[in-house]
Amino acid sequence: MNKLGRKFLFGGLLLFVVATAVAFIAVQKSLLQPLSVEDGGLRFQVESGGNLSRVLRDLEQQGAVKLPRLVLLYAYWREQTAIHAGEYLLPQGTNAMDLVDRLHRGDVTRYRVTLVEGWTAREALEQIRAGRNIVQTDAGKSIEAAAAALGLEATNLEGWIFPDTYIYRSGTTDIELMKQAHERMRNVLNEEWQQRSEPLPFDTPEEALVLASLIEKETGQPSERDEIAGVFVRRLRKGMRLQTDPTVIYGLGEGFDGNLRRHHLRQATPYNTYVIKGLPPTPIALPGREAIRAALNPKDGDTLYFVAKGNGYHHFSATLDEHNRAVREYQLKRRADYRSSPAGGRE
């Protein structure tokens, strides 16, 4: 090749390099340009089985993405065409590169639902079904249906849902969350059972869960859990009735109007521990880990009675005479500001 030919070849290569560089800069600028997203961001759903090409076309129709084919080529180049189903939120300032990264990572919007210690399984189910973007199923329409879906009998679901905050994706079903909370309770109960003190006046984790639910309902102050557990355990050992009001209320069911009367204490139900001996047949509420731990590691001592003092705390007594004096002081002469829980605590 002569000198002129080499000159033309070099010039052509230089033009190609320059053109390529300009094109690359233009493409990069387009990919870094913020998408057309209004204040508050853009929410969109990627259905199961959806693909990146379809998502980009949908976003183009919504006016968010201007060059969907270019974005798709970029995703192929980055080997990020695989995407995850779910709900996404694109904040203002998101560019095409961010969009591809989010879809490939599965950076979907997550929600949370909180189940509170002391609730019943029915209240937990209602809370879950009211969760944002929870899919309500026929299996979650009732406690009976939910129990069947979890492979349990209806009465056996009580207490077997672990109270905690659960994070979930849009499209999660009520039963999926119930199952997660149920499995969590089984795991927590098993962990705490392995750390139990001995001897205890019951033989199974299931009985421990029942006792934990009583402790949960009686506890106004967390520091009293193990002492309340100690009272219950000592009464069980001595064959004394537990005589705890929450079991009476639970046994009355929906007929209870919020005012516990003396005749209720004599009303026979399978749960009324003023009438029955030993533990009730099932838990009466959702106990937290601390209540389960207290049931399995009760505080040593000689107290057999406790009564609410009206400030969220209890007075503990070893003898009936002392207990009766405490009842006269704290219950029969109630202060105007009497409360069953500490200020700011659970009523």
Protein backbone atom coordinates (compact mmCIF):
# COMPACT_ATOMS: atom_id res chain seq x y z
CA MET A 1 0.00 0.00 0.00
CA ASN A 2 1.38 3.40 -0.99
CA LYS A 3 1.68 6.41 1.25
CA LEU A 4 -1.60 7.96 0.01
CA GLY A 5 -3.50 4.73 0.64
CA ARG A 6 -2.19 4.47 4.15
CA LYS A 7 -3.20 8.05 4.77
CA PHE A 8 -6.79 7.36 3.63
CA LEU A 9 -6.91 4.16 5.74
CA PHE A 10 -5.69 5.96 8.83
CA GLY A 11 -8.16 8.75 8.24
CA GLY A 12 -11.01 6.25 7.89
CA LEU A 13 -10.05 4.46 11.08
CA LEU A 14 -9.82 7.76 12.90
CA LEU A 15 -13.28 8.75 11.71
CA PHE A 16 -14.64 5.35 12.80
CA VAL A 17 -13.10 5.70 16.25
CA VAL A 18 -14.41 9.23 16.62
CA ALA A 19 -17.87 8.23 15.39
CA THR A 20 -17.91 5.25 17.75
CA ALA A 21 -16.84 7.42 20.66
CA VAL A 22 -19.49 10.00 19.84
CA ALA A 23 -22.13 7.27 19.54
CA PHE A 24 -21.03 5.72 22.85
CA ILE A 25 -21.20 9.09 24.58
CA ALA A 26 -24.65 9.70 23.10
CA VAL A 27 -25.89 6.27 24.19
CA GLN A 28 -24.44 6.71 27.66
CA LYS A 29 -26.02 10.14 27.94
CA SER A 30 -29.39 8.68 26.92
CA LEU A 31 -29.09 5.89 29.46
CA LEU A 32 -28.13 8.33 32.22
CA GLN A 33 -30.95 10.71 31.41
CA PRO A 34 -33.59 10.62 34.20
CA LEU A 35 -36.76 8.81 33.19
CA SER A 36 -39.99 10.77 32.94
CA VAL A 37 -41.22 10.13 36.49
CA GLU A 38 -43.53 12.52 38.31
CA ASP A 39 -43.36 13.57 41.96
CA GLY A 40 -43.95 10.64 44.26
CA GLY A 41 -42.41 8.16 41.84
CA LEU A 42 -43.89 5.63 39.44
CA ARG A 43 -45.35 2.34 40.66
CA PHE A 44 -45.71 -0.57 38.30
CA GLN A 45 -46.20 -4.31 38.58
CA VAL A 46 -44.17 -7.03 36.91
CA GLU A 47 -46.33 -10.12 36.68
CA SER A 48 -44.95 -13.61 37.17
CA GLY A 49 -43.44 -14.75 33.87
CA GLY A 50 -43.00 -11.18 32.64
CA ASN A 51 -39.95 -10.26 30.57
CA LEU A 52 -37.83 -7.13 30.26
CA SER A 53 -38.93 -6.34 26.71
CA ARG A 54 -42.60 -6.29 27.73
CA VAL A 55 -41.91 -4.18 30.81
CA LEU A 56 -40.00 -1.61 28.76
CA ARG A 57 -42.83 -1.40 26.21
CA ASP A 58 -45.34 -0.85 29.02
CA LEU A 59 -43.17 1.88 30.53
CA GLU A 60 -42.84 3.47 27.10
CA GLN A 61 -46.64 3.61 26.82
CA GLN A 62 -46.74 5.33 30.21
CA GLY A 63 -44.24 7.89 28.94
CA ALA A 64 -41.47 6.90 31.35
CA VAL A 65 -39.04 5.23 28.91
CA LYS A 66 -38.29 6.92 25.58
CA LEU A 67 -35.90 4.42 23.92
CA PRO A 68 -36.93 0.94 25.07
CA ARG A 69 -34.85 -0.89 22.42
CA LEU A 70 -31.72 0.96 23.47
CA VAL A 71 -32.38 0.07 27.11
CA LEU A 72 -32.93 -3.56 26.12
CA LEU A 73 -29.61 -3.63 24.20
CA TYR A 74 -27.89 -2.19 27.25
CA ALA A 75 -29.41 -4.94 29.41
CA TYR A 76 -28.18 -7.61 26.97
CA TRP A 77 -24.72 -6.07 27.03
CA ARG A 78 -24.74 -6.14 30.86
CA GLU A 79 -26.27 -9.64 30.88
CA GLN A 80 -29.12 -8.32 33.04
CA THR A 81 -32.18 -9.33 31.05
CA ALA A 82 -33.46 -11.70 33.76
CA ILE A 83 -35.96 -9.84 35.97
CA HIS A 84 -38.08 -10.56 39.04
CA ALA A 85 -41.83 -10.32 39.46
CA GLY A 86 -43.31 -7.91 41.96
CA GLU A 87 -44.25 -4.30 42.54
CA TYR A 88 -41.63 -1.63 41.84
CA LEU A 89 -41.39 2.02 42.76
CA LEU A 90 -39.22 4.24 40.58
CA PRO A 91 -38.35 7.48 42.39
CA GLN A 92 -37.70 10.72 40.56
CA GLY A 93 -34.18 10.82 39.14
CA THR A 94 -34.13 7.13 38.19
CA ASN A 95 -32.35 6.54 34.90
CA ALA A 96 -32.44 3.60 32.49
CA MET A 97 -29.34 2.00 34.02
CA ASP A 98 -30.93 2.19 37.48
CA LEU A 99 -34.13 0.70 36.08
CA VAL A 100 -32.33 -2.32 34.60
CA ASP A 101 -30.39 -2.85 37.84
CA ARG A 102 -33.56 -2.70 39.95
CA LEU A 103 -35.43 -5.17 37.78
CA HIS A 104 -32.47 -7.56 37.65
CA ARG A 105 -31.92 -7.42 41.45
CA GLY A 106 -35.61 -7.78 42.19
CA ASP A 107 -35.60 -4.53 44.17
CA VAL A 108 -39.36 -4.74 44.68
CA THR A 109 -41.49 -2.70 47.07
CA ARG A 110 -41.88 -4.41 50.42
CA TYR A 111 -44.62 -3.95 52.98
CA ARG A 112 -44.86 -4.86 56.65
CA VAL A 113 -47.55 -6.12 58.98
CA THR A 114 -47.20 -6.28 62.75
CA LEU A 115 -48.85 -8.92 64.94
CA VAL A 116 -48.98 -7.92 68.60
CA GLU A 117 -48.32 -10.07 71.67
CA GLY A 118 -51.56 -10.91 73.47
CA TRP A 119 -53.73 -10.85 70.35
CA THR A 120 -55.83 -13.85 69.44
CA ALA A 121 -55.25 -15.83 66.27
CA ARG A 122 -58.43 -14.31 64.86
CA GLU A 123 -57.09 -10.79 65.41
CA ALA A 124 -53.81 -11.78 63.78
CA LEU A 125 -55.60 -13.15 60.73
CA GLU A 126 -57.69 -9.98 60.42
CA GLN A 127 -54.56 -7.85 60.62
CA ILE A 128 -52.83 -9.89 57.94
CA ARG A 129 -55.80 -9.76 55.60
CA ALA A 130 -55.96 -5.98 56.05
CA GLY A 131 -52.33 -5.63 54.99
CA ARG A 132 -51.61 -3.50 51.94
CA ASN A 133 -51.52 -5.51 48.71
CA ILE A 134 -52.16 -8.78 50.54
CA VAL A 135 -54.06 -11.24 48.36
CA GLN A 136 -57.08 -12.44 50.32
CA THR A 137 -57.88 -16.09 49.70
CA ASP A 138 -60.81 -18.33 50.54
CA ALA A 139 -58.46 -20.21 52.86
CA GLY A 140 -58.06 -17.04 54.92
CA LYS A 141 -61.74 -16.18 55.27
CA SER A 142 -62.02 -17.72 58.72
CA ILE A 143 -59.94 -19.21 61.49
CA GLU A 144 -61.36 -22.62 60.65
CA ALA A 145 -60.35 -22.32 56.98
CA ALA A 146 -56.91 -20.96 57.88
CA ALA A 147 -56.29 -23.78 60.35
CA ALA A 148 -57.27 -26.34 57.71
CA ALA A 149 -54.91 -24.70 55.20
CA LEU A 150 -52.10 -25.03 57.76
CA GLY A 151 -52.97 -28.63 58.49
CA LEU A 152 -54.35 -27.90 61.96
CA GLU A 153 -57.66 -28.22 63.72
CA ALA A 154 -59.40 -24.89 64.25
CA THR A 155 -58.93 -24.80 68.03
CA ASN A 156 -55.26 -25.67 67.66
CA LEU A 157 -54.46 -22.48 65.74
CA GLU A 158 -54.86 -20.31 68.84
CA GLY A 159 -51.48 -19.27 70.17
CA TRP A 160 -49.59 -20.85 67.28
CA ILE A 161 -48.97 -17.60 65.39
CA PHE A 162 -45.78 -15.80 66.40
CA PRO A 163 -46.28 -12.09 67.14
CA ASP A 164 -43.72 -10.06 65.21
CA THR A 165 -43.34 -7.68 62.27
CA TYR A 166 -43.36 -9.49 58.94
CA ILE A 167 -42.08 -7.99 55.69
CA TYR A 168 -43.66 -9.16 52.47
CA ARG A 169 -43.97 -8.42 48.77
CA SER A 170 -47.03 -7.23 46.93
CA GLY A 171 -49.10 -10.24 45.90
CA THR A 172 -48.30 -12.32 48.99
CA THR A 173 -51.38 -14.24 50.13
CA ASP A 174 -52.87 -14.14 53.60
CA ILE A 175 -52.21 -17.84 54.07
CA GLU A 176 -48.57 -17.51 53.03
CA LEU A 177 -48.03 -14.98 55.82
CA MET A 178 -50.03 -17.05 58.30
CA LYS A 179 -47.89 -20.05 57.44
CA GLN A 180 -44.72 -18.01 57.92
CA ALA A 181 -45.89 -16.79 61.33
CA HIS A 182 -46.97 -20.32 62.31
CA GLU A 183 -43.62 -21.84 61.35
CA ARG A 184 -41.84 -19.06 63.22
CA MET A 185 -43.78 -19.91 66.38
CA ARG A 186 -42.88 -23.58 66.08
CA ASN A 187 -39.20 -22.68 65.68
CA VAL A 188 -39.17 -20.22 68.59
CA LEU A 189 -40.99 -22.67 70.88
CA ASN A 190 -38.55 -25.43 70.00
CA GLU A 191 -35.55 -23.15 70.64
CA GLU A 192 -36.85 -22.08 74.03
CA TRP A 193 -37.90 -25.61 74.98
CA GLN A 194 -34.29 -26.72 74.57
CA GLN A 195 -33.25 -24.08 77.16
CA ARG A 196 -35.92 -24.89 79.77
CA SER A 197 -35.20 -25.29 83.45
CA GLU A 198 -36.32 -28.46 85.16
CA PRO A 199 -38.36 -29.84 86.73
CA LEU A 200 -41.57 -28.27 85.39
CA PRO A 201 -45.16 -29.32 86.15
CA PHE A 202 -45.86 -30.04 82.47
CA ASP A 203 -44.28 -32.31 79.92
CA THR A 204 -44.71 -30.88 76.43
CA PRO A 205 -43.91 -27.72 74.45
CA GLU A 206 -47.62 -27.41 73.71
CA GLU A 207 -48.40 -27.08 77.42
CA ALA A 208 -45.60 -24.54 77.75
CA LEU A 209 -47.25 -22.49 75.00
CA VAL A 210 -50.57 -22.56 76.88
CA LEU A 211 -48.88 -21.30 80.05
CA ALA A 212 -46.96 -18.66 78.09
CA SER A 213 -50.23 -17.29 76.72
CA LEU A 214 -51.56 -16.84 80.29
CA ILE A 215 -48.37 -15.05 81.28
CA GLU A 216 -48.62 -12.82 78.22
CA LYS A 217 -52.17 -11.78 79.07
CA GLU A 218 -51.37 -11.14 82.74
CA THR A 219 -48.19 -9.17 82.12
CA GLY A 220 -48.46 -5.40 82.33
CA GLN A 221 -44.78 -4.93 83.08
CA PRO A 222 -42.17 -7.06 81.24
CA SER A 223 -39.97 -7.34 84.35
CA GLU A 224 -42.74 -9.31 86.08
CA ARG A 225 -43.05 -12.10 83.52
CA ASP A 226 -40.81 -14.62 85.25
CA GLU A 227 -42.38 -13.89 88.65
CA ILE A 228 -45.89 -14.37 87.29
CA ALA A 229 -44.61 -17.59 85.69
CA GLY A 230 -43.27 -18.65 89.09
CA VAL A 231 -46.68 -18.15 90.72
CA PHE A 232 -48.45 -20.21 88.05
CA VAL A 233 -45.85 -23.01 88.16
CA ARG A 234 -46.02 -23.26 91.95
CA ARG A 235 -49.81 -23.38 91.88
CA LEU A 236 -49.71 -26.15 89.27
CA ARG A 237 -47.29 -28.13 91.42
CA LYS A 238 -49.55 -27.78 94.45
CA GLY A 239 -52.69 -28.68 92.50
CA MET A 240 -54.16 -25.21 93.05
CA ARG A 241 -56.42 -23.66 90.46
CA LEU A 242 -54.68 -20.93 88.47
CA GLN A 243 -57.61 -18.50 88.88
CA THR A 244 -56.53 -16.05 86.19
CA ASP A 245 -59.14 -13.64 84.78
CA PRO A 246 -57.97 -13.71 81.12
CA THR A 247 -58.97 -17.37 80.88
CA VAL A 248 -62.47 -16.51 82.09
CA ILE A 249 -62.76 -13.73 79.51
CA TYR A 250 -61.48 -15.98 76.72
CA GLY A 251 -63.97 -18.69 77.64
CA LEU A 252 -66.85 -16.20 77.48
CA GLY A 253 -66.02 -15.49 73.85
CA GLU A 254 -67.83 -12.78 71.92
CA GLY A 255 -70.50 -12.62 74.59
CA PHE A 256 -68.16 -10.79 76.94
CA ASP A 257 -69.06 -7.08 77.17
CA GLY A 258 -65.80 -5.90 78.73
CA ASN A 259 -67.04 -5.94 82.32
CA LEU A 260 -65.91 -9.01 84.26
CA ARG A 261 -68.43 -9.78 86.99
CA ARG A 262 -68.37 -12.15 89.95
CA HIS A 263 -70.85 -14.56 88.39
CA HIS A 264 -68.51 -14.92 85.38
CA LEU A 265 -65.90 -16.45 87.68
CA ARG A 266 -68.33 -19.23 88.50
CA GLN A 267 -69.48 -19.80 84.94
CA ALA A 268 -68.25 -23.18 83.75
CA THR A 269 -66.28 -23.15 80.48
CA PRO A 270 -63.33 -25.31 79.41
CA TYR A 271 -61.12 -22.24 79.92
CA ASN A 272 -62.31 -20.87 83.26
CA THR A 273 -59.37 -21.55 85.56
CA TYR A 274 -61.49 -20.58 88.56
CA VAL A 275 -63.48 -23.73 87.77
CA ILE A 276 -61.08 -26.15 86.06
CA LYS A 277 -57.85 -27.46 87.49
CA GLY A 278 -54.60 -27.23 85.61
CA LEU A 279 -54.05 -25.50 82.29
CA PRO A 280 -56.85 -24.64 79.84
CA PRO A 281 -57.06 -26.86 76.75
CA THR A 282 -55.36 -24.41 74.37
CA PRO A 283 -53.51 -21.11 74.49
CA ILE A 284 -55.70 -18.04 74.85
CA ALA A 285 -53.49 -15.57 72.97
CA LEU A 286 -50.28 -15.12 71.00
CA PRO A 287 -47.35 -15.22 73.42
CA GLY A 288 -44.04 -13.58 72.53
CA ARG A 289 -40.64 -15.15 72.99
CA GLU A 290 -40.16 -13.54 76.41
CA ALA A 291 -43.40 -15.01 77.74
CA ILE A 292 -42.44 -18.45 76.42
CA ARG A 293 -39.02 -18.12 78.02
CA ALA A 294 -40.61 -17.13 81.34
CA ALA A 295 -42.97 -20.12 81.24
CA LEU A 296 -39.99 -22.41 80.79
CA ASN A 297 -37.74 -20.60 83.27
CA PRO A 298 -40.00 -19.38 86.10
CA LYS A 299 -38.61 -17.36 88.97
CA ASP A 300 -37.96 -19.23 92.17
CA GLY A 301 -39.78 -18.12 95.29
CA ASP A 302 -42.76 -18.82 97.51
CA THR A 303 -45.39 -16.43 96.13
CA LEU A 304 -48.71 -17.98 95.16
CA TYR A 305 -50.89 -14.93 94.50
CA PHE A 306 -50.73 -11.60 92.71
CA VAL A 307 -53.10 -8.70 92.30
CA ALA A 308 -52.94 -5.62 90.05
CA LYS A 309 -51.89 -2.49 91.94
CA GLY A 310 -53.46 -0.10 89.46
CA ASN A 311 -50.22 1.32 88.06
CA GLY A 312 -49.39 -1.51 85.69
CA TYR A 313 -47.54 -3.53 88.35
CA HIS A 314 -48.66 -6.37 90.62
CA HIS A 315 -48.42 -7.08 94.32
CA PHE A 316 -47.18 -10.64 94.91
CA SER A 317 -48.10 -12.58 98.06
CA ALA A 318 -47.03 -15.88 99.58
CA THR A 319 -50.10 -16.32 101.80
CA LEU A 320 -53.82 -15.94 101.30
CA ASP A 321 -54.07 -13.48 104.21
CA GLU A 322 -51.49 -11.19 102.64
CA HIS A 323 -53.20 -11.52 99.28
CA ASN A 324 -56.59 -10.61 100.74
CA ARG A 325 -55.08 -7.50 102.33
CA ALA A 326 -53.59 -6.54 98.96
CA VAL A 327 -56.96 -7.06 97.27
CA ARG A 328 -58.60 -4.75 99.79
CA GLU A 329 -55.91 -2.14 99.27
CA TYR A 330 -55.60 -2.20 95.51
CA GLN A 331 -58.90 -3.54 94.21
CA LEU A 332 -61.64 -2.61 96.64
CA LYS A 333 -60.27 0.92 97.13
CA ARG A 334 -59.34 1.68 93.54
CA ARG A 335 -57.77 5.03 92.83
CA ALA A 336 -59.29 7.34 90.21
CA ASP A 337 -56.24 6.82 88.00
CA TYR A 338 -56.32 3.02 88.30
CA ARG A 339 -54.87 1.27 85.24
CA SER A 340 -53.91 -2.29 84.46
CA SER A 341 -50.84 -1.36 82.42
CA PRO A 342 -47.94 1.07 82.91
CA ALA A 343 -48.34 4.50 81.35
CA GLY A 344 -47.83 4.06 77.63
CA GLY A 345 -48.13 0.28 77.97
CA ARG A 346 -50.66 -2.21 76.67
CA GLU A 347 -54.07 -2.09 78.33
